[in-house]
Amino acid sequence: QPGGSLRLSCAASGSFFRGYTMGWYRQAPGKQRELVATIPSD
């Protein structure tokens, strides 16, 4: 419901290096995919 909370998780495997930047994007119906947030290794 509006005002509520959720926590998303994403686990990486394979040829993943901790120096890679990770992030979240989103796409609403009829709209372009957009950046939500990013977090580099630093």
Full PDB file with SEQRES, HELIX, SHEET, SSBOND, CRYST1, ORIGX, SCALE, CONECT and MASTER records, all heavy atoms in Angstrom:
SEQRES   1 A   42  GLN PRO GLY GLY SER LEU ARG LEU SER CYS ALA ALA SER          
SEQRES   2 A   42  GLY SER PHE PHE ARG GLY TYR THR MET GLY TRP TYR ARG          
SEQRES   3 A   42  GLN ALA PRO GLY LYS GLN ARG GLU LEU VAL ALA THR ILE          
SEQRES   4 A   42  PRO SER ASP                                                  
SHEET    1 AA1 2 MET A  22  ARG A  26  0                                        
SHEET    2 AA1 2 GLU A  34  ILE A  39 -1                                        
CRYST1    1.000    1.000    1.000  90.00  90.00  90.00 P 1           1          
ORIGX1      1.000000  0.000000  0.000000        0.00000                         
ORIGX2      0.000000  1.000000  0.000000        0.00000                         
ORIGX3      0.000000  0.000000  1.000000        0.00000                         
SCALE1      1.000000  0.000000  0.000000        0.00000                         
SCALE2      0.000000  1.000000  0.000000        0.00000                         
SCALE3      0.000000  0.000000  1.000000        0.00000                         
ATOM      1  N   GLN A   1       0.825  -1.196   0.000  1.00  0.00           N  
ATOM      2  CA  GLN A   1       0.000   0.000   0.000  1.00  0.00           C  
ATOM      3  C   GLN A   1       0.865   1.254   0.000  1.00  0.00           C  
ATOM      4  O   GLN A   1       2.028   1.216   0.411  1.00  0.00           O  
ATOM      5  CB  GLN A   1      -0.919   0.007   1.217  1.00  0.00           C  
ATOM      6  CG  GLN A   1      -1.960  -1.096   1.202  1.00  0.00           C  
ATOM      7  CD  GLN A   1      -2.948  -0.974   2.334  1.00  0.00           C  
ATOM      8  OE1 GLN A   1      -2.619  -0.446   3.397  1.00  0.00           O  
ATOM      9  NE2 GLN A   1      -4.152  -1.455   2.126  1.00  0.00           N  
ATOM     10  N   PRO A   2       0.335   2.381  -0.477  1.00  0.00           N  
ATOM     11  CA  PRO A   2       1.086   3.633  -0.406  1.00  0.00           C  
ATOM     12  C   PRO A   2       1.570   3.911   1.014  1.00  0.00           C  
ATOM     13  O   PRO A   2       0.838   3.720   1.985  1.00  0.00           O  
ATOM     14  CB  PRO A   2       0.082   4.680  -0.872  1.00  0.00           C  
ATOM     15  CG  PRO A   2      -0.842   3.927  -1.772  1.00  0.00           C  
ATOM     16  CD  PRO A   2      -0.968   2.556  -1.155  1.00  0.00           C  
ATOM     17  N   GLY A   3       2.818   4.355   1.124  1.00  0.00           N  
ATOM     18  CA  GLY A   3       3.432   4.591   2.418  1.00  0.00           C  
ATOM     19  C   GLY A   3       4.146   3.393   2.995  1.00  0.00           C  
ATOM     20  O   GLY A   3       4.857   3.531   4.003  1.00  0.00           O  
ATOM     21  N   GLY A   4       3.996   2.235   2.371  1.00  0.00           N  
ATOM     22  CA  GLY A   4       4.626   1.025   2.849  1.00  0.00           C  
ATOM     23  C   GLY A   4       6.074   0.904   2.421  1.00  0.00           C  
ATOM     24  O   GLY A   4       6.638   1.801   1.793  1.00  0.00           O  
ATOM     25  N   SER A   5       6.673  -0.252   2.749  1.00  0.00           N  
ATOM     26  CA  SER A   5       8.088  -0.490   2.489  1.00  0.00           C  
ATOM     27  C   SER A   5       8.307  -1.865   1.872  1.00  0.00           C  
ATOM     28  O   SER A   5       7.540  -2.804   2.105  1.00  0.00           O  
ATOM     29  CB  SER A   5       8.905  -0.399   3.781  1.00  0.00           C  
ATOM     30  OG  SER A   5       8.831   0.891   4.354  1.00  0.00           O  
ATOM     31  N   LEU A   6       9.369  -1.969   1.089  1.00  0.00           N  
ATOM     32  CA  LEU A   6       9.844  -3.226   0.536  1.00  0.00           C  
ATOM     33  C   LEU A   6      11.358  -3.205   0.518  1.00  0.00           C  
ATOM     34  O   LEU A   6      11.969  -2.132   0.426  1.00  0.00           O  
ATOM     35  CB  LEU A   6       9.339  -3.460  -0.889  1.00  0.00           C  
ATOM     36  CG  LEU A   6       7.904  -3.930  -1.099  1.00  0.00           C  
ATOM     37  CD1 LEU A   6       7.592  -3.958  -2.594  1.00  0.00           C  
ATOM     38  CD2 LEU A   6       7.687  -5.300  -0.486  1.00  0.00           C  
ATOM     39  N   ARG A   7      11.959  -4.394   0.576  1.00  0.00           N  
ATOM     40  CA  ARG A   7      13.403  -4.530   0.475  1.00  0.00           C  
ATOM     41  C   ARG A   7      13.729  -5.527  -0.630  1.00  0.00           C  
ATOM     42  O   ARG A   7      13.376  -6.702  -0.542  1.00  0.00           O  
ATOM     43  CB  ARG A   7      13.998  -5.007   1.798  1.00  0.00           C  
ATOM     44  CG  ARG A   7      15.535  -5.120   1.799  1.00  0.00           C  
ATOM     45  CD  ARG A   7      16.030  -5.530   3.179  1.00  0.00           C  
ATOM     46  NE  ARG A   7      17.462  -5.792   3.247  1.00  0.00           N  
ATOM     47  CZ  ARG A   7      18.392  -4.869   3.453  1.00  0.00           C  
ATOM     48  NH1 ARG A   7      18.048  -3.600   3.613  1.00  0.00           N  
ATOM     49  NH2 ARG A   7      19.677  -5.210   3.507  1.00  0.00           N  
ATOM     50  N   LEU A   8      14.395  -5.053  -1.673  1.00  0.00           N  
ATOM     51  CA  LEU A   8      14.802  -5.892  -2.780  1.00  0.00           C  
ATOM     52  C   LEU A   8      16.230  -6.390  -2.576  1.00  0.00           C  
ATOM     53  O   LEU A   8      17.075  -5.674  -2.043  1.00  0.00           O  
ATOM     54  CB  LEU A   8      14.728  -5.130  -4.105  1.00  0.00           C  
ATOM     55  CG  LEU A   8      13.402  -4.458  -4.456  1.00  0.00           C  
ATOM     56  CD1 LEU A   8      13.493  -3.803  -5.823  1.00  0.00           C  
ATOM     57  CD2 LEU A   8      12.256  -5.463  -4.408  1.00  0.00           C  
ATOM     58  N   SER A   9      16.490  -7.614  -3.022  1.00  0.00           N  
ATOM     59  CA  SER A   9      17.819  -8.199  -2.952  1.00  0.00           C  
ATOM     60  C   SER A   9      18.216  -8.717  -4.322  1.00  0.00           C  
ATOM     61  O   SER A   9      17.372  -9.154  -5.102  1.00  0.00           O  
ATOM     62  CB  SER A   9      17.864  -9.351  -1.943  1.00  0.00           C  
ATOM     63  OG  SER A   9      17.538  -8.909  -0.646  1.00  0.00           O  
ATOM     64  N   CYS A  10      19.510  -8.697  -4.606  1.00  0.00           N  
ATOM     65  CA  CYS A  10      20.048  -9.209  -5.861  1.00  0.00           C  
ATOM     66  C   CYS A  10      21.404  -9.834  -5.586  1.00  0.00           C  
ATOM     67  O   CYS A  10      22.336  -9.136  -5.175  1.00  0.00           O  
ATOM     68  CB  CYS A  10      20.163  -8.092  -6.897  1.00  0.00           C  
ATOM     69  SG  CYS A  10      20.987  -8.592  -8.423  1.00  0.00           S  
ATOM     70  N   ALA A  11      21.510 -11.131  -5.825  1.00  0.00           N  
ATOM     71  CA  ALA A  11      22.744 -11.870  -5.595  1.00  0.00           C  
ATOM     72  C   ALA A  11      23.434 -12.162  -6.919  1.00  0.00           C  
ATOM     73  O   ALA A  11      22.815 -12.688  -7.845  1.00  0.00           O  
ATOM     74  CB  ALA A  11      22.456 -13.166  -4.849  1.00  0.00           C  
ATOM     75  N   ALA A  12      24.717 -11.837  -6.999  1.00  0.00           N  
ATOM     76  CA  ALA A  12      25.514 -12.063  -8.197  1.00  0.00           C  
ATOM     77  C   ALA A  12      26.356 -13.324  -8.051  1.00  0.00           C  
ATOM     78  O   ALA A  12      26.857 -13.633  -6.967  1.00  0.00           O  
ATOM     79  CB  ALA A  12      26.424 -10.871  -8.479  1.00  0.00           C  
ATOM     80  N   SER A  13      26.515 -14.028  -9.162  1.00  0.00           N  
ATOM     81  CA  SER A  13      27.371 -15.207  -9.193  1.00  0.00           C  
ATOM     82  C   SER A  13      28.047 -15.288 -10.554  1.00  0.00           C  
ATOM     83  O   SER A  13      27.761 -14.502 -11.450  1.00  0.00           O  
ATOM     84  CB  SER A  13      26.570 -16.483  -8.905  1.00  0.00           C  
ATOM     85  OG  SER A  13      25.570 -16.691  -9.886  1.00  0.00           O  
ATOM     86  N   GLY A  14      28.947 -16.256 -10.704  1.00  0.00           N  
ATOM     87  CA  GLY A  14      29.691 -16.391 -11.943  1.00  0.00           C  
ATOM     88  C   GLY A  14      30.946 -15.540 -11.929  1.00  0.00           C  
ATOM     89  O   GLY A  14      31.615 -15.419 -10.901  1.00  0.00           O  
ATOM     90  N   SER A  15      31.254 -14.936 -13.065  1.00  0.00           N  
ATOM     91  CA  SER A  15      32.473 -14.139 -13.209  1.00  0.00           C  
ATOM     92  C   SER A  15      32.270 -12.726 -12.697  1.00  0.00           C  
ATOM     93  O   SER A  15      32.373 -11.738 -13.434  1.00  0.00           O  
ATOM     94  CB  SER A  15      32.920 -14.128 -14.675  1.00  0.00           C  
ATOM     95  OG  SER A  15      33.201 -15.433 -15.139  1.00  0.00           O  
ATOM     96  N   PHE A  16      31.966 -12.623 -11.404  1.00  0.00           N  
ATOM     97  CA  PHE A  16      31.704 -11.344 -10.772  1.00  0.00           C  
ATOM     98  C   PHE A  16      32.916 -10.905  -9.953  1.00  0.00           C  
ATOM     99  O   PHE A  16      33.482 -11.704  -9.201  1.00  0.00           O  
ATOM    100  CB  PHE A  16      30.467 -11.434  -9.867  1.00  0.00           C  
ATOM    101  CG  PHE A  16      30.191 -10.166  -9.124  1.00  0.00           C  
ATOM    102  CD1 PHE A  16      29.528  -9.111  -9.736  1.00  0.00           C  
ATOM    103  CD2 PHE A  16      30.598 -10.008  -7.804  1.00  0.00           C  
ATOM    104  CE1 PHE A  16      29.275  -7.933  -9.053  1.00  0.00           C  
ATOM    105  CE2 PHE A  16      30.349  -8.838  -7.114  1.00  0.00           C  
ATOM    106  CZ  PHE A  16      29.689  -7.800  -7.740  1.00  0.00           C  
ATOM    107  N   PHE A  17      33.285  -9.653 -10.108  1.00  0.00           N  
ATOM    108  CA  PHE A  17      34.376  -9.069  -9.340  1.00  0.00           C  
ATOM    109  C   PHE A  17      33.831  -7.965  -8.463  1.00  0.00           C  
ATOM    110  O   PHE A  17      32.968  -7.186  -8.887  1.00  0.00           O  
ATOM    111  CB  PHE A  17      35.472  -8.525 -10.260  1.00  0.00           C  
ATOM    112  CG  PHE A  17      36.172  -9.579 -11.058  1.00  0.00           C  
ATOM    113  CD1 PHE A  17      35.732  -9.921 -12.323  1.00  0.00           C  
ATOM    114  CD2 PHE A  17      37.272 -10.238 -10.534  1.00  0.00           C  
ATOM    115  CE1 PHE A  17      36.374 -10.896 -13.057  1.00  0.00           C  
ATOM    116  CE2 PHE A  17      37.921 -11.223 -11.266  1.00  0.00           C  
ATOM    117  CZ  PHE A  17      37.464 -11.550 -12.532  1.00  0.00           C  
ATOM    118  N   ARG A  18      34.318  -7.873  -7.247  1.00  0.00           N  
ATOM    119  CA  ARG A  18      33.788  -6.920  -6.285  1.00  0.00           C  
ATOM    120  C   ARG A  18      34.050  -5.477  -6.672  1.00  0.00           C  
ATOM    121  O   ARG A  18      33.447  -4.574  -6.100  1.00  0.00           O  
ATOM    122  CB  ARG A  18      34.341  -7.223  -4.892  1.00  0.00           C  
ATOM    123  CG  ARG A  18      33.850  -8.557  -4.344  1.00  0.00           C  
ATOM    124  CD  ARG A  18      34.153  -8.729  -2.864  1.00  0.00           C  
ATOM    125  NE  ARG A  18      33.523  -9.935  -2.341  1.00  0.00           N  
ATOM    126  CZ  ARG A  18      34.123 -11.105  -2.234  1.00  0.00           C  
ATOM    127  NH1 ARG A  18      35.393 -11.245  -2.591  1.00  0.00           N  
ATOM    128  NH2 ARG A  18      33.462 -12.148  -1.753  1.00  0.00           N  
ATOM    129  N   GLY A  19      34.922  -5.236  -7.637  1.00  0.00           N  
ATOM    130  CA  GLY A  19      35.144  -3.891  -8.126  1.00  0.00           C  
ATOM    131  C   GLY A  19      34.068  -3.380  -9.067  1.00  0.00           C  
ATOM    132  O   GLY A  19      34.055  -2.193  -9.398  1.00  0.00           O  
ATOM    133  N   TYR A  20      33.165  -4.258  -9.501  1.00  0.00           N  
ATOM    134  CA  TYR A  20      32.091  -3.831 -10.394  1.00  0.00           C  
ATOM    135  C   TYR A  20      31.096  -2.938  -9.676  1.00  0.00           C  
ATOM    136  O   TYR A  20      30.834  -3.100  -8.485  1.00  0.00           O  
ATOM    137  CB  TYR A  20      31.350  -5.040 -10.947  1.00  0.00           C  
ATOM    138  CG  TYR A  20      32.132  -5.915 -11.907  1.00  0.00           C  
ATOM    139  CD1 TYR A  20      31.643  -7.170 -12.258  1.00  0.00           C  
ATOM    140  CD2 TYR A  20      33.329  -5.501 -12.455  1.00  0.00           C  
ATOM    141  CE1 TYR A  20      32.338  -7.987 -13.135  1.00  0.00           C  
ATOM    142  CE2 TYR A  20      34.034  -6.313 -13.325  1.00  0.00           C  
ATOM    143  CZ  TYR A  20      33.532  -7.558 -13.658  1.00  0.00           C  
ATOM    144  OH  TYR A  20      34.223  -8.364 -14.531  1.00  0.00           O  
ATOM    145  N   THR A  21      30.507  -2.000 -10.430  1.00  0.00           N  
ATOM    146  CA  THR A  21      29.414  -1.189  -9.918  1.00  0.00           C  
ATOM    147  C   THR A  21      28.103  -1.970  -9.994  1.00  0.00           C  
ATOM    148  O   THR A  21      27.814  -2.620 -11.000  1.00  0.00           O  
ATOM    149  CB  THR A  21      29.298   0.119 -10.709  1.00  0.00           C  
ATOM    150  OG1 THR A  21      30.454   0.916 -10.472  1.00  0.00           O  
ATOM    151  CG2 THR A  21      28.060   0.904 -10.292  1.00  0.00           C  
ATOM    152  N   MET A  22      27.304  -1.889  -8.935  1.00  0.00           N  
ATOM    153  CA  MET A  22      25.998  -2.528  -8.894  1.00  0.00           C  
ATOM    154  C   MET A  22      24.925  -1.456  -8.772  1.00  0.00           C  
ATOM    155  O   MET A  22      25.187  -0.353  -8.280  1.00  0.00           O  
ATOM    156  CB  MET A  22      25.904  -3.511  -7.727  1.00  0.00           C  
ATOM    157  CG  MET A  22      27.031  -4.532  -7.690  1.00  0.00           C  
ATOM    158  SD  MET A  22      26.867  -5.766  -6.372  1.00  0.00           S  
ATOM    159  CE  MET A  22      25.618  -6.855  -7.096  1.00  0.00           C  
ATOM    160  N   GLY A  23      23.717  -1.783  -9.222  1.00  0.00           N  
ATOM    161  CA  GLY A  23      22.664  -0.789  -9.160  1.00  0.00           C  
ATOM    162  C   GLY A  23      21.294  -1.357  -9.434  1.00  0.00           C  
ATOM    163  O   GLY A  23      21.128  -2.561  -9.668  1.00  0.00           O  
ATOM    164  N   TRP A  24      20.311  -0.461  -9.385  1.00  0.00           N  
ATOM    165  CA  TRP A  24      18.920  -0.802  -9.654  1.00  0.00           C  
ATOM    166  C   TRP A  24      18.342   0.161 -10.669  1.00  0.00           C  
ATOM    167  O   TRP A  24      18.570   1.375 -10.584  1.00  0.00           O  
ATOM    168  CB  TRP A  24      18.079  -0.754  -8.373  1.00  0.00           C  
ATOM    169  CG  TRP A  24      18.417  -1.819  -7.384  1.00  0.00           C  
ATOM    170  CD1 TRP A  24      19.287  -1.737  -6.348  1.00  0.00           C  
ATOM    171  CD2 TRP A  24      17.864  -3.142  -7.347  1.00  0.00           C  
ATOM    172  NE1 TRP A  24      19.328  -2.920  -5.664  1.00  0.00           N  
ATOM    173  CE2 TRP A  24      18.460  -3.804  -6.256  1.00  0.00           C  
ATOM    174  CE3 TRP A  24      16.932  -3.824  -8.126  1.00  0.00           C  
ATOM    175  CZ2 TRP A  24      18.153  -5.128  -5.925  1.00  0.00           C  
ATOM    176  CZ3 TRP A  24      16.627  -5.136  -7.795  1.00  0.00           C  
ATOM    177  CH2 TRP A  24      17.236  -5.763  -6.706  1.00  0.00           C  
ATOM    178  N   TYR A  25      17.585  -0.375 -11.618  1.00  0.00           N  
ATOM    179  CA  TYR A  25      16.833   0.383 -12.598  1.00  0.00           C  
ATOM    180  C   TYR A  25      15.381  -0.070 -12.533  1.00  0.00           C  
ATOM    181  O   TYR A  25      15.080  -1.117 -11.959  1.00  0.00           O  
ATOM    182  CB  TYR A  25      17.384   0.168 -14.007  1.00  0.00           C  
ATOM    183  CG  TYR A  25      18.779   0.739 -14.226  1.00  0.00           C  
ATOM    184  CD1 TYR A  25      19.890   0.181 -13.610  1.00  0.00           C  
ATOM    185  CD2 TYR A  25      18.976   1.839 -15.062  1.00  0.00           C  
ATOM    186  CE1 TYR A  25      21.158   0.696 -13.805  1.00  0.00           C  
ATOM    187  CE2 TYR A  25      20.241   2.358 -15.270  1.00  0.00           C  
ATOM    188  CZ  TYR A  25      21.327   1.778 -14.639  1.00  0.00           C  
ATOM    189  OH  TYR A  25      22.585   2.298 -14.849  1.00  0.00           O  
ATOM    190  N   ARG A  26      14.491   0.726 -13.118  1.00  0.00           N  
ATOM    191  CA  ARG A  26      13.088   0.326 -13.143  1.00  0.00           C  
ATOM    192  C   ARG A  26      12.438   0.774 -14.439  1.00  0.00           C  
ATOM    193  O   ARG A  26      12.882   1.715 -15.086  1.00  0.00           O  
ATOM    194  CB  ARG A  26      12.326   0.904 -11.949  1.00  0.00           C  
ATOM    195  CG  ARG A  26      12.172   2.414 -11.959  1.00  0.00           C  
ATOM    196  CD  ARG A  26      11.532   2.889 -10.664  1.00  0.00           C  
ATOM    197  NE  ARG A  26      11.321   4.330 -10.643  1.00  0.00           N  
ATOM    198  CZ  ARG A  26      10.897   5.002  -9.593  1.00  0.00           C  
ATOM    199  NH1 ARG A  26      10.622   4.362  -8.453  1.00  0.00           N  
ATOM    200  NH2 ARG A  26      10.734   6.319  -9.661  1.00  0.00           N  
ATOM    201  N   GLN A  27      11.367   0.070 -14.797  1.00  0.00           N  
ATOM    202  CA  GLN A  27      10.628   0.382 -16.009  1.00  0.00           C  
ATOM    203  C   GLN A  27       9.136   0.244 -15.736  1.00  0.00           C  
ATOM    204  O   GLN A  27       8.659  -0.841 -15.414  1.00  0.00           O  
ATOM    205  CB  GLN A  27      11.043  -0.524 -17.165  1.00  0.00           C  
ATOM    206  CG  GLN A  27      10.423  -0.141 -18.497  1.00  0.00           C  
ATOM    207  CD  GLN A  27      11.072  -0.864 -19.662  1.00  0.00           C  
ATOM    208  OE1 GLN A  27      11.676  -1.915 -19.501  1.00  0.00           O  
ATOM    209  NE2 GLN A  27      10.951  -0.285 -20.844  1.00  0.00           N  
ATOM    210  N   ALA A  28       8.417   1.356 -15.857  1.00  0.00           N  
ATOM    211  CA  ALA A  28       6.975   1.373 -15.715  1.00  0.00           C  
ATOM    212  C   ALA A  28       6.328   1.145 -17.072  1.00  0.00           C  
ATOM    213  O   ALA A  28       6.945   1.390 -18.113  1.00  0.00           O  
ATOM    214  CB  ALA A  28       6.516   2.702 -15.115  1.00  0.00           C  
ATOM    215  N   PRO A  29       5.073   0.689 -17.101  1.00  0.00           N  
ATOM    216  CA  PRO A  29       4.395   0.453 -18.375  1.00  0.00           C  
ATOM    217  C   PRO A  29       4.387   1.695 -19.257  1.00  0.00           C  
ATOM    218  O   PRO A  29       4.033   2.789 -18.807  1.00  0.00           O  
ATOM    219  CB  PRO A  29       2.981   0.063 -17.953  1.00  0.00           C  
ATOM    220  CG  PRO A  29       3.141  -0.512 -16.586  1.00  0.00           C  
ATOM    221  CD  PRO A  29       4.233   0.292 -15.955  1.00  0.00           C  
ATOM    222  N   GLY A  30       4.797   1.530 -20.510  1.00  0.00           N  
ATOM    223  CA  GLY A  30       4.794   2.626 -21.460  1.00  0.00           C  
ATOM    224  C   GLY A  30       5.901   3.644 -21.285  1.00  0.00           C  
ATOM    225  O   GLY A  30       5.889   4.676 -21.965  1.00  0.00           O  
ATOM    226  N   LYS A  31       6.860   3.380 -20.403  1.00  0.00           N  
ATOM    227  CA  LYS A  31       7.936   4.325 -20.151  1.00  0.00           C  
ATOM    228  C   LYS A  31       9.298   3.679 -20.380  1.00  0.00           C  
ATOM    229  O   LYS A  31       9.425   2.457 -20.445  1.00  0.00           O  
ATOM    230  CB  LYS A  31       7.859   4.871 -18.723  1.00  0.00           C  
ATOM    231  CG  LYS A  31       6.539   5.525 -18.370  1.00  0.00           C  
ATOM    232  CD  LYS A  31       6.632   6.331 -17.092  1.00  0.00           C  
ATOM    233  CE  LYS A  31       7.463   7.588 -17.308  1.00  0.00           C  
ATOM    234  NZ  LYS A  31       7.473   8.457 -16.093  1.00  0.00           N  
ATOM    235  N   GLN A  32      10.313   4.517 -20.521  1.00  0.00           N  
ATOM    236  CA  GLN A  32      11.682   4.055 -20.683  1.00  0.00           C  
ATOM    237  C   GLN A  32      12.227   3.521 -19.359  1.00  0.00           C  
ATOM    238  O   GLN A  32      11.811   3.940 -18.279  1.00  0.00           O  
ATOM    239  CB  GLN A  32      12.574   5.193 -21.183  1.00  0.00           C  
ATOM    240  CG  GLN A  32      12.200   5.750 -22.545  1.00  0.00           C  
ATOM    241  CD  GLN A  32      12.653   4.854 -23.664  1.00  0.00           C  
ATOM    242  OE1 GLN A  32      13.799   4.405 -23.694  1.00  0.00           O  
ATOM    243  NE2 GLN A  32      11.750   4.576 -24.593  1.00  0.00           N  
ATOM    244  N   ARG A  33      13.169   2.595 -19.464  1.00  0.00           N  
ATOM    245  CA  ARG A  33      13.865   2.141 -18.278  1.00  0.00           C  
ATOM    246  C   ARG A  33      14.713   3.287 -17.727  1.00  0.00           C  
ATOM    247  O   ARG A  33      15.404   3.975 -18.479  1.00  0.00           O  
ATOM    248  CB  ARG A  33      14.743   0.934 -18.600  1.00  0.00           C  
ATOM    249  CG  ARG A  33      15.404   0.308 -17.384  1.00  0.00           C  
ATOM    250  CD  ARG A  33      16.152  -0.979 -17.737  1.00  0.00           C  
ATOM    251  NE  ARG A  33      15.244  -1.989 -18.273  1.00  0.00           N  
ATOM    252  CZ  ARG A  33      15.618  -3.241 -18.552  1.00  0.00           C  
ATOM    253  NH1 ARG A  33      16.869  -3.626 -18.328  1.00  0.00           N  
ATOM    254  NH2 ARG A  33      14.739  -4.093 -19.041  1.00  0.00           N  
ATOM    255  N   GLU A  34      14.663   3.489 -16.418  1.00  0.00           N  
ATOM    256  CA  GLU A  34      15.370   4.598 -15.799  1.00  0.00           C  
ATOM    257  C   GLU A  34      16.210   4.131 -14.619  1.00  0.00           C  
ATOM    258  O   GLU A  34      15.891   3.145 -13.951  1.00  0.00           O  
ATOM    259  CB  GLU A  34      14.390   5.680 -15.332  1.00  0.00           C  
ATOM    260  CG  GLU A  34      13.448   5.227 -14.230  1.00  0.00           C  
ATOM    261  CD  GLU A  34      12.536   6.337 -13.744  1.00  0.00           C  
ATOM    262  OE1 GLU A  34      12.684   7.486 -14.200  1.00  0.00           O  
ATOM    263  OE2 GLU A  34      11.658   6.053 -12.899  1.00  0.00           O  
ATOM    264  N   LEU A  35      17.266   4.864 -14.364  1.00  0.00           N  
ATOM    265  CA  LEU A  35      18.133   4.584 -13.227  1.00  0.00           C  
ATOM    266  C   LEU A  35      17.425   4.938 -11.928  1.00  0.00           C  
ATOM    267  O   LEU A  35      16.777   5.980 -11.825  1.00  0.00           O  
ATOM    268  CB  LEU A  35      19.438   5.374 -13.355  1.00  0.00           C  
ATOM    269  CG  LEU A  35      20.500   5.169 -12.272  1.00  0.00           C  
ATOM    270  CD1 LEU A  35      21.893   5.305 -12.871  1.00  0.00           C  
ATOM    271  CD2 LEU A  35      20.326   6.184 -11.145  1.00  0.00           C  
ATOM    272  N   VAL A  36      17.557   4.067 -10.935  1.00  0.00           N  
ATOM    273  CA  VAL A  36      17.050   4.325  -9.596  1.00  0.00           C  
ATOM    274  C   VAL A  36      18.189   4.677  -8.654  1.00  0.00           C  
ATOM    275  O   VAL A  36      18.163   5.707  -7.981  1.00  0.00           O  
ATOM    276  CB  VAL A  36      16.256   3.124  -9.051  1.00  0.00           C  
ATOM    277  CG1 VAL A  36      15.802   3.383  -7.618  1.00  0.00           C  
ATOM    278  CG2 VAL A  36      15.062   2.823  -9.948  1.00  0.00           C  
ATOM    279  N   ALA A  37      19.205   3.814  -8.591  1.00  0.00           N  
ATOM    280  CA  ALA A  37      20.335   4.037  -7.701  1.00  0.00           C  
ATOM    281  C   ALA A  37      21.499   3.158  -8.127  1.00  0.00           C  
ATOM    282  O   ALA A  37      21.301   2.075  -8.674  1.00  0.00           O  
ATOM    283  CB  ALA A  37      19.962   3.737  -6.248  1.00  0.00           C  
ATOM    284  N   THR A  38      22.716   3.627  -7.872  1.00  0.00           N  
ATOM    285  CA  THR A  38      23.922   2.842  -8.118  1.00  0.00           C  
ATOM    286  C   THR A  38      24.837   2.922  -6.913  1.00  0.00           C  
ATOM    287  O   THR A  38      24.789   3.881  -6.137  1.00  0.00           O  
ATOM    288  CB  THR A  38      24.693   3.311  -9.364  1.00  0.00           C  
ATOM    289  OG1 THR A  38      25.103   4.672  -9.196  1.00  0.00           O  
ATOM    290  CG2 THR A  38      23.834   3.181 -10.609  1.00  0.00           C  
ATOM    291  N   ILE A  39      25.693   1.909  -6.786  1.00  0.00           N  
ATOM    292  CA  ILE A  39      26.668   1.889  -5.702  1.00  0.00           C  
ATOM    293  C   ILE A  39      27.950   1.215  -6.188  1.00  0.00           C  
ATOM    294  O   ILE A  39      28.004  -0.005  -6.356  1.00  0.00           O  
ATOM    295  CB  ILE A  39      26.096   1.212  -4.433  1.00  0.00           C  
ATOM    296  CG1 ILE A  39      27.125   1.238  -3.307  1.00  0.00           C  
ATOM    297  CG2 ILE A  39      25.604  -0.203  -4.724  1.00  0.00           C  
ATOM    298  CD1 ILE A  39      26.537   0.869  -1.949  1.00  0.00           C  
ATOM    299  N   PRO A  40      29.005   2.005  -6.440  1.00  0.00           N  
ATOM    300  CA  PRO A  40      30.291   1.416  -6.805  1.00  0.00           C  
ATOM    301  C   PRO A  40      30.921   0.698  -5.622  1.00  0.00           C  
ATOM    302  O   PRO A  40      30.393   0.715  -4.506  1.00  0.00           O  
ATOM    303  CB  PRO A  40      31.129   2.635  -7.215  1.00  0.00           C  
ATOM    304  CG  PRO A  40      30.159   3.763  -7.376  1.00  0.00           C  
ATOM    305  CD  PRO A  40      29.039   3.471  -6.435  1.00  0.00           C  
ATOM    306  N   SER A  41      32.063   0.076  -5.874  1.00  0.00           N  
ATOM    307  CA  SER A  41      32.725  -0.671  -4.813  1.00  0.00           C  
ATOM    308  C   SER A  41      33.202   0.229  -3.683  1.00  0.00           C  
ATOM    309  O   SER A  41      33.381  -0.249  -2.559  1.00  0.00           O  
ATOM    310  CB  SER A  41      33.901  -1.469  -5.381  1.00  0.00           C  
ATOM    311  OG  SER A  41      34.846  -0.617  -6.005  1.00  0.00           O  
ATOM    312  N   ASP A  42      33.421   1.516  -3.955  1.00  0.00           N  
ATOM    313  CA  ASP A  42      33.842   2.438  -2.906  1.00  0.00           C  
ATOM    314  C   ASP A  42      32.691   2.920  -2.040  1.00  0.00           C  
ATOM    315  O   ASP A  42      32.917   3.670  -1.082  1.00  0.00           O  
ATOM    316  CB  ASP A  42      34.611   3.630  -3.487  1.00  0.00           C  
ATOM    317  CG  ASP A  42      33.777   4.504  -4.411  1.00  0.00           C  
ATOM    318  OD1 ASP A  42      32.551   4.320  -4.485  1.00  0.00           O  
ATOM    319  OD2 ASP A  42      34.363   5.380  -5.069  1.00  0.00           O  
TER     320      ASP A  42                                                      
MASTER        0    0    0    0    2    0    0    6  319    1    0    4          
END                                                                             
